[in-house]
C-alpha atoms as a PDB file:
ATOM      1  CA  MET A   1      88.891 140.061 171.558  1.00  0.00           C
ATOM      2  CA  SER A   2      85.194 140.794 170.687  1.00  0.00           C
ATOM      3  CA  THR A   3      82.959 138.260 169.323  1.00  0.00           C
ATOM      4  CA  THR A   4      80.164 139.521 166.894  1.00  0.00           C
ATOM      5  CA  GLU A   5      77.293 137.700 165.694  1.00  0.00           C
ATOM      6  CA  THR A   6      77.187 137.159 161.853  1.00  0.00           C
ATOM      7  CA  PRO A   7      73.741 138.649 160.509  1.00  0.00           C
ATOM      8  CA  GLU A   8      71.175 135.940 159.581  1.00  0.00           C
ATOM      9  CA  ARG A   9      71.175 136.915 156.068  1.00  0.00           C
ATOM     10  CA  TYR A  10      74.956 136.241 155.759  1.00  0.00           C
ATOM     11  CA  LYS A  11      75.083 132.807 157.407  1.00  0.00           C
ATOM     12  CA  TYR A  12      75.428 129.987 154.945  1.00  0.00           C
ATOM     13  CA  GLN A  13      72.339 128.085 154.134  1.00  0.00           C
ATOM     14  CA  PRO A  14      72.157 125.613 151.206  1.00  0.00           C
ATOM     15  CA  LEU A  15      69.990 126.628 148.418  1.00  0.00           C
ATOM     16  CA  LYS A  16      67.410 124.003 147.635  1.00  0.00           C
ATOM     17  CA  GLY A  17      64.201 123.457 145.664  1.00  0.00           C
ATOM     18  CA  ASP A  18      62.052 126.443 144.931  1.00  0.00           C
ATOM     19  CA  GLN A  19      64.623 128.984 146.337  1.00  0.00           C
ATOM     20  CA  ARG A  20      67.283 127.611 144.106  1.00  0.00           C
ATOM     21  CA  GLN A  21      65.211 127.610 141.077  1.00  0.00           C
ATOM     22  CA  ARG A  22      64.206 131.134 141.670  1.00  0.00           C
ATOM     23  CA  LEU A  23      67.751 132.298 141.857  1.00  0.00           C
ATOM     24  CA  ARG A  24      68.523 130.334 138.834  1.00  0.00           C
ATOM     25  CA  GLN A  25      65.724 131.886 136.871  1.00  0.00           C
ATOM     26  CA  GLU A  26      66.827 135.293 137.960  1.00  0.00           C
ATOM     27  CA  ALA A  27      70.594 134.794 137.363  1.00  0.00           C
ATOM     28  CA  ALA A  28      69.653 133.534 133.766  1.00  0.00           C
ATOM     29  CA  THR A  29      67.541 136.690 133.228  1.00  0.00           C
ATOM     30  CA  ASP A  30      70.108 139.177 134.306  1.00  0.00           C
ATOM     31  CA  TYR A  31      72.919 137.403 132.338  1.00  0.00           C
ATOM     32  CA  ALA A  32      70.909 137.149 129.189  1.00  0.00           C
ATOM     33  CA  ALA A  33      70.253 140.967 129.561  1.00  0.00           C
ATOM     34  CA  GLY A  34      74.025 141.560 129.326  1.00  0.00           C
ATOM     35  CA  SER A  35      75.135 141.490 133.021  1.00  0.00           C
ATOM     36  CA  SER A  36      78.696 139.810 133.965  1.00  0.00           C
ATOM     37  CA  ILE A  37      78.656 136.803 136.103  1.00  0.00           C
ATOM     38  CA  ARG A  38      80.163 139.217 138.804  1.00  0.00           C
ATOM     39  CA  ALA A  39      77.237 141.574 138.342  1.00  0.00           C
ATOM     40  CA  VAL A  40      74.845 138.732 138.593  1.00  0.00           C
ATOM     41  CA  ALA A  41      76.416 137.768 141.779  1.00  0.00           C
ATOM     42  CA  ASP A  42      76.393 141.121 143.126  1.00  0.00           C
ATOM     43  CA  HIS A  43      72.685 141.659 142.283  1.00  0.00           C
ATOM     44  CA  LEU A  44      71.673 138.318 143.881  1.00  0.00           C
ATOM     45  CA  THR A  45      73.826 139.189 147.010  1.00  0.00           C
ATOM     46  CA  GLU A  46      71.747 142.454 147.349  1.00  0.00           C
ATOM     47  CA  LYS A  47      68.303 140.510 147.042  1.00  0.00           C
ATOM     48  CA  TYR A  48      69.078 137.206 148.866  1.00  0.00           C
ATOM     49  CA  GLY A  49      72.109 137.407 150.878  1.00  0.00           C
ATOM     50  CA  SER A  50      75.688 136.174 150.078  1.00  0.00           C
ATOM     51  CA  VAL A  51      76.181 134.703 146.657  1.00  0.00           C
ATOM     52  CA  SER A  52      79.692 134.093 145.359  1.00  0.00           C
ATOM     53  CA  PHE A  53      80.823 134.320 141.806  1.00  0.00           C
ATOM     54  CA  GLY A  54      81.211 130.427 141.771  1.00  0.00           C
ATOM     55  CA  LEU A  55      77.568 130.001 142.938  1.00  0.00           C
ATOM     56  CA  ALA A  56      76.192 132.492 140.309  1.00  0.00           C
ATOM     57  CA  ARG A  57      78.278 130.637 137.687  1.00  0.00           C
ATOM     58  CA  ASP A  58      76.810 127.223 138.856  1.00  0.00           C
ATOM     59  CA  LEU A  59      73.331 128.605 138.660  1.00  0.00           C
ATOM     60  CA  LEU A  60      73.809 129.863 135.225  1.00  0.00           C
ATOM     61  CA  LEU A  61      75.250 126.291 134.229  1.00  0.00           C
ATOM     62  CA  GLU A  62      72.376 124.557 135.817  1.00  0.00           C
ATOM     63  CA  ALA A  63      69.986 126.772 133.916  1.00  0.00           C
ATOM     64  CA  LYS A  64      71.818 125.775 130.690  1.00  0.00           C
ATOM     65  CA  VAL A  65      72.804 129.309 129.831  1.00  0.00           C
ATOM     66  CA  PRO A  66      75.545 129.492 127.318  1.00  0.00           C
ATOM     67  CA  LEU A  67      78.279 131.452 128.812  1.00  0.00           C
ATOM     68  CA  ARG A  68      80.214 134.329 126.978  1.00  0.00           C
ATOM     69  CA  SER A  69      83.873 134.281 126.645  1.00  0.00           C
ATOM     70  CA  LYS A  70      85.996 136.540 128.786  1.00  0.00           C
ATOM     71  CA  THR A  71      86.864 138.789 125.879  1.00  0.00           C
ATOM     72  CA  SER A  72      83.356 138.983 124.507  1.00  0.00           C
ATOM     73  CA  GLY A  73      82.984 142.383 123.135  1.00  0.00           C
ATOM     74  CA  LEU A  74      86.260 143.592 124.337  1.00  0.00           C
ATOM     75  CA  HIS A  75      88.196 143.018 121.163  1.00  0.00           C
ATOM     76  CA  ARG A  76      87.403 144.561 117.891  1.00  0.00           C
ATOM     77  CA  PRO A  77      88.834 143.820 114.392  1.00  0.00           C
ATOM     78  CA  ARG A  78      91.448 146.330 113.657  1.00  0.00           C
ATOM     79  CA  PRO A  79      90.656 148.602 110.700  1.00  0.00           C
ATOM     80  CA  SER A  80      92.472 147.734 107.341  1.00  0.00           C
END
């Protein structure tokens, strides 16, 4: 069995202070621009390392961003 080192950017490190504030602001900006929570998490992962859906959601809630419903924009009224 071979053991491999986890790359440094993927090792868990708690987000605190300025770094958490920076991610919170970036998440809020992306979400306000129309990105889904999943897309926000993916974008933050590309820039900062592993960011889960749950963390992205928590960052948005901490930033007091009103979350959209799951069906937002998917259902349109039927024509009469």
